[in-house]
Amino acid sequence: MHGTFPSVDDVQTELGGTAALFVKSSGAFVLVATSVKRADGSRSGSPIQDPQGPAMAAIAKGYAYSGEADIQGRTYTTRYEPIRTLKKDVIGIFYVAYPKR
């Protein structure tokens, strides 16, 4: 999925939000695809999720997380869902966010 943007861009096109995929690597969650773009059109986003943040605290316990986040100076309502193996191990995160009006 690294660098594969159609899946996250489709969320933005169809639903008006932003989306991102993170994979677990050496205990951290690393960004592999995002629809969030900078003003110049390049892809944006934090390459590694903050392990001390509330979203990662929930994911570490196997739970989804919903809450507000600042993304490029704008407040968004976010949802982080763990991606699991058949054995229920968390191997990634699917994130969606919608700007607050």
PDB file of N, CA and C in Angstrom:
ATOM      1  N   MET A   1       0.806  -1.202   0.000  1.00  0.00           N
ATOM      2  CA  MET A   1       0.000   0.000   0.000  1.00  0.00           C
ATOM      3  C   MET A   1       0.849   1.266   0.000  1.00  0.00           C
ATOM      4  N   HIS A   2       2.153   1.136   0.255  1.00  0.00           N
ATOM      5  CA  HIS A   2       2.997   2.317   0.346  1.00  0.00           C
ATOM      6  C   HIS A   2       2.935   3.125  -0.955  1.00  0.00           C
ATOM      7  N   GLY A   3       2.525   4.382  -0.828  1.00  0.00           N
ATOM      8  CA  GLY A   3       2.457   5.252  -1.989  1.00  0.00           C
ATOM      9  C   GLY A   3       1.279   4.983  -2.898  1.00  0.00           C
ATOM     10  N   THR A   4       0.345   4.149  -2.483  1.00  0.00           N
ATOM     11  CA  THR A   4      -0.838   3.843  -3.270  1.00  0.00           C
ATOM     12  C   THR A   4      -1.955   4.776  -2.815  1.00  0.00           C
ATOM     13  N   PHE A   5      -2.246   5.779  -3.616  1.00  0.00           N
ATOM     14  CA  PHE A   5      -3.152   6.829  -3.184  1.00  0.00           C
ATOM     15  C   PHE A   5      -4.618   6.696  -3.610  1.00  0.00           C
ATOM     16  N   PRO A   6      -4.978   5.892  -4.618  1.00  0.00           N
ATOM     17  CA  PRO A   6      -6.391   5.856  -5.004  1.00  0.00           C
ATOM     18  C   PRO A   6      -7.344   5.496  -3.863  1.00  0.00           C
ATOM     19  N   SER A   7      -6.965   4.590  -2.983  1.00  0.00           N
ATOM     20  CA  SER A   7      -7.874   4.191  -1.909  1.00  0.00           C
ATOM     21  C   SER A   7      -8.173   5.351  -0.969  1.00  0.00           C
ATOM     22  N   VAL A   8      -7.181   6.142  -0.615  1.00  0.00           N
ATOM     23  CA  VAL A   8      -7.407   7.272   0.285  1.00  0.00           C
ATOM     24  C   VAL A   8      -8.004   8.462  -0.467  1.00  0.00           C
ATOM     25  N   ASP A   9      -7.630   8.653  -1.724  1.00  0.00           N
ATOM     26  CA  ASP A   9      -8.209   9.743  -2.513  1.00  0.00           C
ATOM     27  C   ASP A   9      -9.690   9.513  -2.782  1.00  0.00           C
ATOM     28  N   ASP A  10     -10.093   8.255  -2.937  1.00  0.00           N
ATOM     29  CA  ASP A  10     -11.510   7.952  -3.163  1.00  0.00           C
ATOM     30  C   ASP A  10     -12.372   8.382  -1.986  1.00  0.00           C
ATOM     31  N   VAL A  11     -11.858   8.254  -0.773  1.00  0.00           N
ATOM     32  CA  VAL A  11     -12.608   8.700   0.406  1.00  0.00           C
ATOM     33  C   VAL A  11     -12.859  10.195   0.304  1.00  0.00           C
ATOM     34  N   GLN A  12     -11.833  10.941  -0.053  1.00  0.00           N
ATOM     35  CA  GLN A  12     -11.979  12.385  -0.172  1.00  0.00           C
ATOM     36  C   GLN A  12     -12.956  12.743  -1.289  1.00  0.00           C
ATOM     37  N   THR A  13     -12.854  12.076  -2.422  1.00  0.00           N
ATOM     38  CA  THR A  13     -13.735  12.354  -3.549  1.00  0.00           C
ATOM     39  C   THR A  13     -15.186  12.002  -3.230  1.00  0.00           C
ATOM     40  N   GLU A  14     -15.411  10.830  -2.657  1.00  0.00           N
ATOM     41  CA  GLU A  14     -16.767  10.342  -2.398  1.00  0.00           C
ATOM     42  C   GLU A  14     -17.430  10.978  -1.184  1.00  0.00           C
ATOM     43  N   LEU A  15     -16.651  11.226  -0.122  1.00  0.00           N
ATOM     44  CA  LEU A  15     -17.253  11.633   1.141  1.00  0.00           C
ATOM     45  C   LEU A  15     -16.819  13.011   1.629  1.00  0.00           C
ATOM     46  N   GLY A  16     -15.834  13.616   0.981  1.00  0.00           N
ATOM     47  CA  GLY A  16     -15.427  14.964   1.339  1.00  0.00           C
ATOM     48  C   GLY A  16     -14.456  15.073   2.495  1.00  0.00           C
ATOM     49  N   GLY A  17     -14.031  13.960   3.046  1.00  0.00           N
ATOM     50  CA  GLY A  17     -13.077  13.992   4.153  1.00  0.00           C
ATOM     51  C   GLY A  17     -11.679  13.694   3.665  1.00  0.00           C
ATOM     52  N   THR A  18     -10.799  13.445   4.604  1.00  0.00           N
ATOM     53  CA  THR A  18      -9.457  12.989   4.265  1.00  0.00           C
ATOM     54  C   THR A  18      -9.275  11.591   4.829  1.00  0.00           C
ATOM     55  N   ALA A  19      -8.304  10.876   4.308  1.00  0.00           N
ATOM     56  CA  ALA A  19      -8.054   9.519   4.769  1.00  0.00           C
ATOM     57  C   ALA A  19      -6.562   9.232   4.736  1.00  0.00           C
ATOM     58  N   ALA A  20      -6.158   8.268   5.539  1.00  0.00           N
ATOM     59  CA  ALA A  20      -4.754   7.854   5.554  1.00  0.00           C
ATOM     60  C   ALA A  20      -4.659   6.404   6.016  1.00  0.00           C
ATOM     61  N   LEU A  21      -3.604   5.747   5.587  1.00  0.00           N
ATOM     62  CA  LEU A  21      -3.291   4.386   6.014  1.00  0.00           C
ATOM     63  C   LEU A  21      -1.922   4.390   6.673  1.00  0.00           C
ATOM     64  N   PHE A  22      -1.839   3.725   7.816  1.00  0.00           N
ATOM     65  CA  PHE A  22      -0.589   3.561   8.549  1.00  0.00           C
ATOM     66  C   PHE A  22      -0.338   2.069   8.716  1.00  0.00           C
ATOM     67  N   VAL A  23       0.915   1.652   8.644  1.00  0.00           N
ATOM     68  CA  VAL A  23       1.271   0.264   8.915  1.00  0.00           C
ATOM     69  C   VAL A  23       2.189   0.217  10.124  1.00  0.00           C
ATOM     70  N   LYS A  24       2.090  -0.863  10.878  1.00  0.00           N
ATOM     71  CA  LYS A  24       2.935  -1.033  12.052  1.00  0.00           C
ATOM     72  C   LYS A  24       4.298  -1.530  11.603  1.00  0.00           C
ATOM     73  N   SER A  25       5.336  -0.826  12.069  1.00  0.00           N
ATOM     74  CA  SER A  25       6.704  -1.181  11.720  1.00  0.00           C
ATOM     75  C   SER A  25       7.583  -0.925  12.937  1.00  0.00           C
ATOM     76  N   SER A  26       8.172  -1.975  13.454  1.00  0.00           N
ATOM     77  CA  SER A  26       9.037  -1.875  14.635  1.00  0.00           C
ATOM     78  C   SER A  26       8.348  -1.176  15.800  1.00  0.00           C
ATOM     79  N   GLY A  27       7.071  -1.459  15.983  1.00  0.00           N
ATOM     80  CA  GLY A  27       6.330  -0.916  17.112  1.00  0.00           C
ATOM     81  C   GLY A  27       5.708   0.449  16.888  1.00  0.00           C
ATOM     82  N   ALA A  28       6.049   1.125  15.782  1.00  0.00           N
ATOM     83  CA  ALA A  28       5.474   2.437  15.474  1.00  0.00           C
ATOM     84  C   ALA A  28       4.515   2.309  14.293  1.00  0.00           C
ATOM     85  N   PHE A  29       3.641   3.283  14.149  1.00  0.00           N
ATOM     86  CA  PHE A  29       2.735   3.311  13.006  1.00  0.00           C
ATOM     87  C   PHE A  29       3.234   4.347  12.014  1.00  0.00           C
ATOM     88  N   VAL A  30       3.579   3.877  10.807  1.00  0.00           N
ATOM     89  CA  VAL A  30       4.207   4.701   9.789  1.00  0.00           C
ATOM     90  C   VAL A  30       3.203   4.973   8.670  1.00  0.00           C
ATOM     91  N   LEU A  31       3.109   6.243   8.263  1.00  0.00           N
ATOM     92  CA  LEU A  31       2.212   6.647   7.185  1.00  0.00           C
ATOM     93  C   LEU A  31       2.666   6.040   5.867  1.00  0.00           C
ATOM     94  N   VAL A  32       1.725   5.387   5.152  1.00  0.00           N
ATOM     95  CA  VAL A  32       2.065   4.840   3.838  1.00  0.00           C
ATOM     96  C   VAL A  32       1.241   5.465   2.720  1.00  0.00           C
ATOM     97  N   ALA A  33       0.088   6.045   3.052  1.00  0.00           N
ATOM     98  CA  ALA A  33      -0.737   6.714   2.037  1.00  0.00           C
ATOM     99  C   ALA A  33      -1.654   7.716   2.726  1.00  0.00           C
ATOM    100  N   THR A  34      -1.788   8.902   2.131  1.00  0.00           N
ATOM    101  CA  THR A  34      -2.678   9.925   2.672  1.00  0.00           C
ATOM    102  C   THR A  34      -3.289  10.757   1.557  1.00  0.00           C
ATOM    103  N   SER A  35      -4.490  11.248   1.801  1.00  0.00           N
ATOM    104  CA  SER A  35      -5.113  12.177   0.863  1.00  0.00           C
ATOM    105  C   SER A  35      -4.901  13.620   1.302  1.00  0.00           C
ATOM    106  N   VAL A  36      -4.299  13.828   2.467  1.00  0.00           N
ATOM    107  CA  VAL A  36      -4.035  15.180   2.973  1.00  0.00           C
ATOM    108  C   VAL A  36      -2.929  15.806   2.116  1.00  0.00           C
ATOM    109  N   LYS A  37      -3.208  17.007   1.611  1.00  0.00           N
ATOM    110  CA  LYS A  37      -2.228  17.684   0.756  1.00  0.00           C
ATOM    111  C   LYS A  37      -1.887  19.063   1.306  1.00  0.00           C
ATOM    112  N   ARG A  38      -0.664  19.471   1.046  1.00  0.00           N
ATOM    113  CA  ARG A  38      -0.200  20.812   1.391  1.00  0.00           C
ATOM    114  C   ARG A  38      -0.744  21.805   0.356  1.00  0.00           C
ATOM    115  N   ALA A  39      -0.549  23.078   0.611  1.00  0.00           N
ATOM    116  CA  ALA A  39      -1.014  24.115  -0.315  1.00  0.00           C
ATOM    117  C   ALA A  39      -0.409  23.952  -1.710  1.00  0.00           C
ATOM    118  N   ASP A  40       0.812  23.407  -1.790  1.00  0.00           N
ATOM    119  CA  ASP A  40       1.462  23.231  -3.093  1.00  0.00           C
ATOM    120  C   ASP A  40       1.028  21.953  -3.814  1.00  0.00           C
ATOM    121  N   GLY A  41       0.118  21.184  -3.192  1.00  0.00           N
ATOM    122  CA  GLY A  41      -0.396  19.963  -3.814  1.00  0.00           C
ATOM    123  C   GLY A  41       0.357  18.695  -3.449  1.00  0.00           C
ATOM    124  N   SER A  42       1.496  18.833  -2.764  1.00  0.00           N
ATOM    125  CA  SER A  42       2.238  17.640  -2.355  1.00  0.00           C
ATOM    126  C   SER A  42       1.529  16.958  -1.182  1.00  0.00           C
ATOM    127  N   ARG A  43       1.773  15.685  -1.020  1.00  0.00           N
ATOM    128  CA  ARG A  43       1.160  14.920   0.070  1.00  0.00           C
ATOM    129  C   ARG A  43       1.718  15.377   1.409  1.00  0.00           C
ATOM    130  N   SER A  44       0.862  15.413   2.392  1.00  0.00           N
ATOM    131  CA  SER A  44       1.237  15.891   3.710  1.00  0.00           C
ATOM    132  C   SER A  44       1.089  14.775   4.719  1.00  0.00           C
ATOM    133  N   GLY A  45       1.274  15.129   5.967  1.00  0.00           N
ATOM    134  CA  GLY A  45       1.023  14.188   7.037  1.00  0.00           C
ATOM    135  C   GLY A  45       2.267  13.845   7.816  1.00  0.00           C
ATOM    136  N   SER A  46       2.044  13.463   9.038  1.00  0.00           N
ATOM    137  CA  SER A  46       3.127  13.038   9.910  1.00  0.00           C
ATOM    138  C   SER A  46       3.535  11.624   9.513  1.00  0.00           C
ATOM    139  N   PRO A  47       4.811  11.384   9.234  1.00  0.00           N
ATOM    140  CA  PRO A  47       5.207  10.045   8.799  1.00  0.00           C
ATOM    141  C   PRO A  47       5.024   8.972   9.871  1.00  0.00           C
ATOM    142  N   ILE A  48       5.115   9.369  11.152  1.00  0.00           N
ATOM    143  CA  ILE A  48       4.929   8.413  12.242  1.00  0.00           C
ATOM    144  C   ILE A  48       3.961   9.030  13.243  1.00  0.00           C
ATOM    145  N   GLN A  49       2.961   8.268  13.650  1.00  0.00           N
ATOM    146  CA  GLN A  49       1.998   8.757  14.629  1.00  0.00           C
ATOM    147  C   GLN A  49       2.640   8.892  15.997  1.00  0.00           C
ATOM    148  N   ASP A  50       2.278   9.941  16.727  1.00  0.00           N
ATOM    149  CA  ASP A  50       2.798  10.194  18.069  1.00  0.00           C
ATOM    150  C   ASP A  50       2.349   9.079  19.008  1.00  0.00           C
ATOM    151  N   PRO A  51       3.284   8.284  19.523  1.00  0.00           N
ATOM    152  CA  PRO A  51       2.893   7.169  20.395  1.00  0.00           C
ATOM    153  C   PRO A  51       2.278   7.622  21.719  1.00  0.00           C
ATOM    154  N   GLN A  52       2.465   8.885  22.091  1.00  0.00           N
ATOM    155  CA  GLN A  52       1.911   9.408  23.340  1.00  0.00           C
ATOM    156  C   GLN A  52       0.537  10.047  23.146  1.00  0.00           C
ATOM    157  N   GLY A  53       0.088  10.178  21.903  1.00  0.00           N
ATOM    158  CA  GLY A  53      -1.195  10.825  21.631  1.00  0.00           C
ATOM    159  C   GLY A  53      -2.375   9.936  22.005  1.00  0.00           C
ATOM    160  N   PRO A  54      -3.560  10.544  22.157  1.00  0.00           N
ATOM    161  CA  PRO A  54      -4.738   9.782  22.572  1.00  0.00           C
ATOM    162  C   PRO A  54      -5.177   8.723  21.560  1.00  0.00           C
ATOM    163  N   ALA A  55      -4.990   8.995  20.281  1.00  0.00           N
ATOM    164  CA  ALA A  55      -5.368   8.002  19.268  1.00  0.00           C
ATOM    165  C   ALA A  55      -4.522   6.744  19.405  1.00  0.00           C
ATOM    166  N   MET A  56      -3.215   6.933  19.585  1.00  0.00           N
ATOM    167  CA  MET A  56      -2.327   5.771  19.687  1.00  0.00           C
ATOM    168  C   MET A  56      -2.528   5.034  21.003  1.00  0.00           C
ATOM    169  N   ALA A  57      -2.905   5.742  22.061  1.00  0.00           N
ATOM    170  CA  ALA A  57      -3.194   5.072  23.331  1.00  0.00           C
ATOM    171  C   ALA A  57      -4.382   4.122  23.161  1.00  0.00           C
ATOM    172  N   ALA A  58      -5.410   4.563  22.439  1.00  0.00           N
ATOM    173  CA  ALA A  58      -6.574   3.705  22.188  1.00  0.00           C
ATOM    174  C   ALA A  58      -6.204   2.532  21.285  1.00  0.00           C
ATOM    175  N   ILE A  59      -5.485   2.807  20.200  1.00  0.00           N
ATOM    176  CA  ILE A  59      -5.082   1.749  19.257  1.00  0.00           C
ATOM    177  C   ILE A  59      -4.225   0.708  19.969  1.00  0.00           C
ATOM    178  N   ALA A  60      -3.320   1.146  20.844  1.00  0.00           N
ATOM    179  CA  ALA A  60      -2.448   0.216  21.576  1.00  0.00           C
ATOM    180  C   ALA A  60      -3.256  -0.759  22.420  1.00  0.00           C
ATOM    181  N   LYS A  61      -4.435  -0.346  22.856  1.00  0.00           N
ATOM    182  CA  LYS A  61      -5.322  -1.220  23.633  1.00  0.00           C
ATOM    183  C   LYS A  61      -6.291  -1.991  22.740  1.00  0.00           C
ATOM    184  N   GLY A  62      -6.188  -1.770  21.414  1.00  0.00           N
ATOM    185  CA  GLY A  62      -7.052  -2.482  20.473  1.00  0.00           C
ATOM    186  C   GLY A  62      -8.365  -1.798  20.187  1.00  0.00           C
ATOM    187  N   TYR A  63      -8.498  -0.543  20.604  1.00  0.00           N
ATOM    188  CA  TYR A  63      -9.744   0.197  20.413  1.00  0.00           C
ATOM    189  C   TYR A  63      -9.612   1.220  19.286  1.00  0.00           C
ATOM    190  N   ALA A  64     -10.739   1.593  18.710  1.00  0.00           N
ATOM    191  CA  ALA A  64     -10.795   2.711  17.777  1.00  0.00           C
ATOM    192  C   ALA A  64     -10.764   4.001  18.584  1.00  0.00           C
ATOM    193  N   TYR A  65     -10.502   5.100  17.909  1.00  0.00           N
ATOM    194  CA  TYR A  65     -10.458   6.397  18.576  1.00  0.00           C
ATOM    195  C   TYR A  65     -11.181   7.427  17.715  1.00  0.00           C
ATOM    196  N   SER A  66     -11.998   8.251  18.348  1.00  0.00           N
ATOM    197  CA  SER A  66     -12.633   9.392  17.695  1.00  0.00           C
ATOM    198  C   SER A  66     -12.314  10.637  18.502  1.00  0.00           C
ATOM    199  N   GLY A  67     -12.021  11.723  17.834  1.00  0.00           N
ATOM    200  CA  GLY A  67     -11.737  12.971  18.529  1.00  0.00           C
ATOM    201  C   GLY A  67     -11.302  14.043  17.556  1.00  0.00           C
ATOM    202  N   GLU A  68     -10.998  15.207  18.091  1.00  0.00           N
ATOM    203  CA  GLU A  68     -10.565  16.326  17.264  1.00  0.00           C
ATOM    204  C   GLU A  68      -9.047  16.334  17.113  1.00  0.00           C
ATOM    205  N   ALA A  69      -8.605  16.862  15.977  1.00  0.00           N
ATOM    206  CA  ALA A  69      -7.172  17.003  15.717  1.00  0.00           C
ATOM    207  C   ALA A  69      -6.942  18.240  14.869  1.00  0.00           C
ATOM    208  N   ASP A  70      -5.798  18.866  15.079  1.00  0.00           N
ATOM    209  CA  ASP A  70      -5.390  19.995  14.246  1.00  0.00           C
ATOM    210  C   ASP A  70      -4.596  19.443  13.074  1.00  0.00           C
ATOM    211  N   ILE A  71      -5.064  19.720  11.864  1.00  0.00           N
ATOM    212  CA  ILE A  71      -4.382  19.280  10.652  1.00  0.00           C
ATOM    213  C   ILE A  71      -4.148  20.516   9.803  1.00  0.00           C
ATOM    214  N   GLN A  72      -2.898  20.897   9.685  1.00  0.00           N
ATOM    215  CA  GLN A  72      -2.494  22.076   8.919  1.00  0.00           C
ATOM    216  C   GLN A  72      -3.266  23.322   9.347  1.00  0.00           C
ATOM    217  N   GLY A  73      -3.411  23.503  10.662  1.00  0.00           N
ATOM    218  CA  GLY A  73      -4.038  24.702  11.193  1.00  0.00           C
ATOM    219  C   GLY A  73      -5.554  24.727  11.161  1.00  0.00           C
ATOM    220  N   ARG A  74      -6.165  23.592  10.868  1.00  0.00           N
ATOM    221  CA  ARG A  74      -7.620  23.510  10.797  1.00  0.00           C
ATOM    222  C   ARG A  74      -8.087  22.367  11.693  1.00  0.00           C
ATOM    223  N   THR A  75      -9.226  22.544  12.377  1.00  0.00           N
ATOM    224  CA  THR A  75      -9.732  21.515  13.274  1.00  0.00           C
ATOM    225  C   THR A  75     -10.568  20.496  12.499  1.00  0.00           C
ATOM    226  N   TYR A  76     -10.260  19.226  12.733  1.00  0.00           N
ATOM    227  CA  TYR A  76     -10.962  18.112  12.088  1.00  0.00           C
ATOM    228  C   TYR A  76     -11.531  17.182  13.147  1.00  0.00           C
ATOM    229  N   THR A  77     -12.636  16.543  12.815  1.00  0.00           N
ATOM    230  CA  THR A  77     -13.160  15.433  13.594  1.00  0.00           C
ATOM    231  C   THR A  77     -12.564  14.175  12.973  1.00  0.00           C
ATOM    232  N   THR A  78     -11.905  13.355  13.791  1.00  0.00           N
ATOM    233  CA  THR A  78     -11.173  12.204  13.267  1.00  0.00           C
ATOM    234  C   THR A  78     -11.708  10.880  13.795  1.00  0.00           C
ATOM    235  N   ARG A  79     -11.374   9.828  13.071  1.00  0.00           N
ATOM    236  CA  ARG A  79     -11.653   8.453  13.502  1.00  0.00           C
ATOM    237  C   ARG A  79     -10.468   7.599  13.073  1.00  0.00           C
ATOM    238  N   TYR A  80      -9.906   6.881  14.025  1.00  0.00           N
ATOM    239  CA  TYR A  80      -8.802   5.948  13.776  1.00  0.00           C
ATOM    240  C   TYR A  80      -9.320   4.553  14.071  1.00  0.00           C
ATOM    241  N   GLU A  81      -9.237   3.658  13.098  1.00  0.00           N
ATOM    242  CA  GLU A  81      -9.685   2.271  13.256  1.00  0.00           C
ATOM    243  C   GLU A  81      -8.491   1.338  13.101  1.00  0.00           C
ATOM    244  N   PRO A  82      -8.324   0.414  14.046  1.00  0.00           N
ATOM    245  CA  PRO A  82      -7.221  -0.540  13.888  1.00  0.00           C
ATOM    246  C   PRO A  82      -7.484  -1.500  12.728  1.00  0.00           C
ATOM    247  N   ILE A  83      -6.436  -1.853  12.012  1.00  0.00           N
ATOM    248  CA  ILE A  83      -6.484  -2.892  10.979  1.00  0.00           C
ATOM    249  C   ILE A  83      -5.871  -4.124  11.616  1.00  0.00           C
ATOM    250  N   ARG A  84      -6.591  -5.248  11.572  1.00  0.00           N
ATOM    251  CA  ARG A  84      -6.171  -6.454  12.299  1.00  0.00           C
ATOM    252  C   ARG A  84      -5.940  -7.653  11.385  1.00  0.00           C
ATOM    253  N   THR A  85      -5.120  -8.555  11.888  1.00  0.00           N
ATOM    254  CA  THR A  85      -4.960  -9.855  11.232  1.00  0.00           C
ATOM    255  C   THR A  85      -6.135 -10.739  11.664  1.00  0.00           C
ATOM    256  N   LEU A  86      -6.215 -11.920  11.096  1.00  0.00           N
ATOM    257  CA  LEU A  86      -7.249 -12.866  11.516  1.00  0.00           C
ATOM    258  C   LEU A  86      -7.089 -13.267  12.980  1.00  0.00           C
ATOM    259  N   LYS A  87      -5.874 -13.164  13.493  1.00  0.00           N
ATOM    260  CA  LYS A  87      -5.616 -13.477  14.904  1.00  0.00           C
ATOM    261  C   LYS A  87      -5.872 -12.271  15.816  1.00  0.00           C
ATOM    262  N   LYS A  88      -6.381 -11.175  15.235  1.00  0.00           N
ATOM    263  CA  LYS A  88      -6.737  -9.945  15.973  1.00  0.00           C
ATOM    264  C   LYS A  88      -5.546  -9.066  16.340  1.00  0.00           C
ATOM    265  N   ASP A  89      -4.353  -9.361  15.819  1.00  0.00           N
ATOM    266  CA  ASP A  89      -3.205  -8.495  16.054  1.00  0.00           C
ATOM    267  C   ASP A  89      -3.369  -7.216  15.231  1.00  0.00           C
ATOM    268  N   VAL A  90      -3.073  -6.059  15.831  1.00  0.00           N
ATOM    269  CA  VAL A  90      -3.167  -4.785  15.121  1.00  0.00           C
ATOM    270  C   VAL A  90      -1.911  -4.609  14.275  1.00  0.00           C
ATOM    271  N   ILE A  91      -2.119  -4.466  12.961  1.00  0.00           N
ATOM    272  CA  ILE A  91      -0.994  -4.323  12.031  1.00  0.00           C
ATOM    273  C   ILE A  91      -1.014  -2.981  11.291  1.00  0.00           C
ATOM    274  N   GLY A  92      -2.056  -2.205  11.509  1.00  0.00           N
ATOM    275  CA  GLY A  92      -2.149  -0.922  10.823  1.00  0.00           C
ATOM    276  C   GLY A  92      -3.313  -0.106  11.351  1.00  0.00           C
ATOM    277  N   ILE A  93      -3.485   1.049  10.768  1.00  0.00           N
ATOM    278  CA  ILE A  93      -4.563   1.956  11.155  1.00  0.00           C
ATOM    279  C   ILE A  93      -5.158   2.571   9.890  1.00  0.00           C
ATOM    280  N   PHE A  94      -6.482   2.660   9.857  1.00  0.00           N
ATOM    281  CA  PHE A  94      -7.181   3.418   8.827  1.00  0.00           C
ATOM    282  C   PHE A  94      -7.740   4.651   9.513  1.00  0.00           C
ATOM    283  N   TYR A  95      -7.458   5.819   8.961  1.00  0.00           N
ATOM    284  CA  TYR A  95      -7.870   7.080   9.555  1.00  0.00           C
ATOM    285  C   TYR A  95      -8.750   7.836   8.567  1.00  0.00           C
ATOM    286  N   VAL A  96      -9.812   8.456   9.046  1.00  0.00           N
ATOM    287  CA  VAL A  96     -10.616   9.391   8.266  1.00  0.00           C
ATOM    288  C   VAL A  96     -10.832  10.637   9.110  1.00  0.00           C
ATOM    289  N   ALA A  97     -10.974  11.773   8.435  1.00  0.00           N
ATOM    290  CA  ALA A  97     -11.203  13.025   9.145  1.00  0.00           C
ATOM    291  C   ALA A  97     -12.061  13.944   8.299  1.00  0.00           C
ATOM    292  N   TYR A  98     -12.865  14.743   8.984  1.00  0.00           N
ATOM    293  CA  TYR A  98     -13.723  15.709   8.322  1.00  0.00           C
ATOM    294  C   TYR A  98     -13.529  17.064   8.977  1.00  0.00           C
ATOM    295  N   PRO A  99     -13.376  18.136   8.175  1.00  0.00           N
ATOM    296  CA  PRO A  99     -13.177  19.452   8.766  1.00  0.00           C
ATOM    297  C   PRO A  99     -14.415  19.897   9.531  1.00  0.00           C
ATOM    298  N   LYS A 100     -14.170  20.520  10.683  1.00  0.00           N
ATOM    299  CA  LYS A 100     -15.269  21.096  11.451  1.00  0.00           C
ATOM    300  C   LYS A 100     -15.619  22.428  10.811  1.00  0.00           C
ATOM    301  N   ARG A 101     -16.852  22.720  10.799  1.00  0.00           N
ATOM    302  CA  ARG A 101     -17.311  23.970  10.170  1.00  0.00           C
ATOM    303  C   ARG A 101     -17.478  25.060  11.183  1.00  0.00           C
TER     304      ARG A 101
END
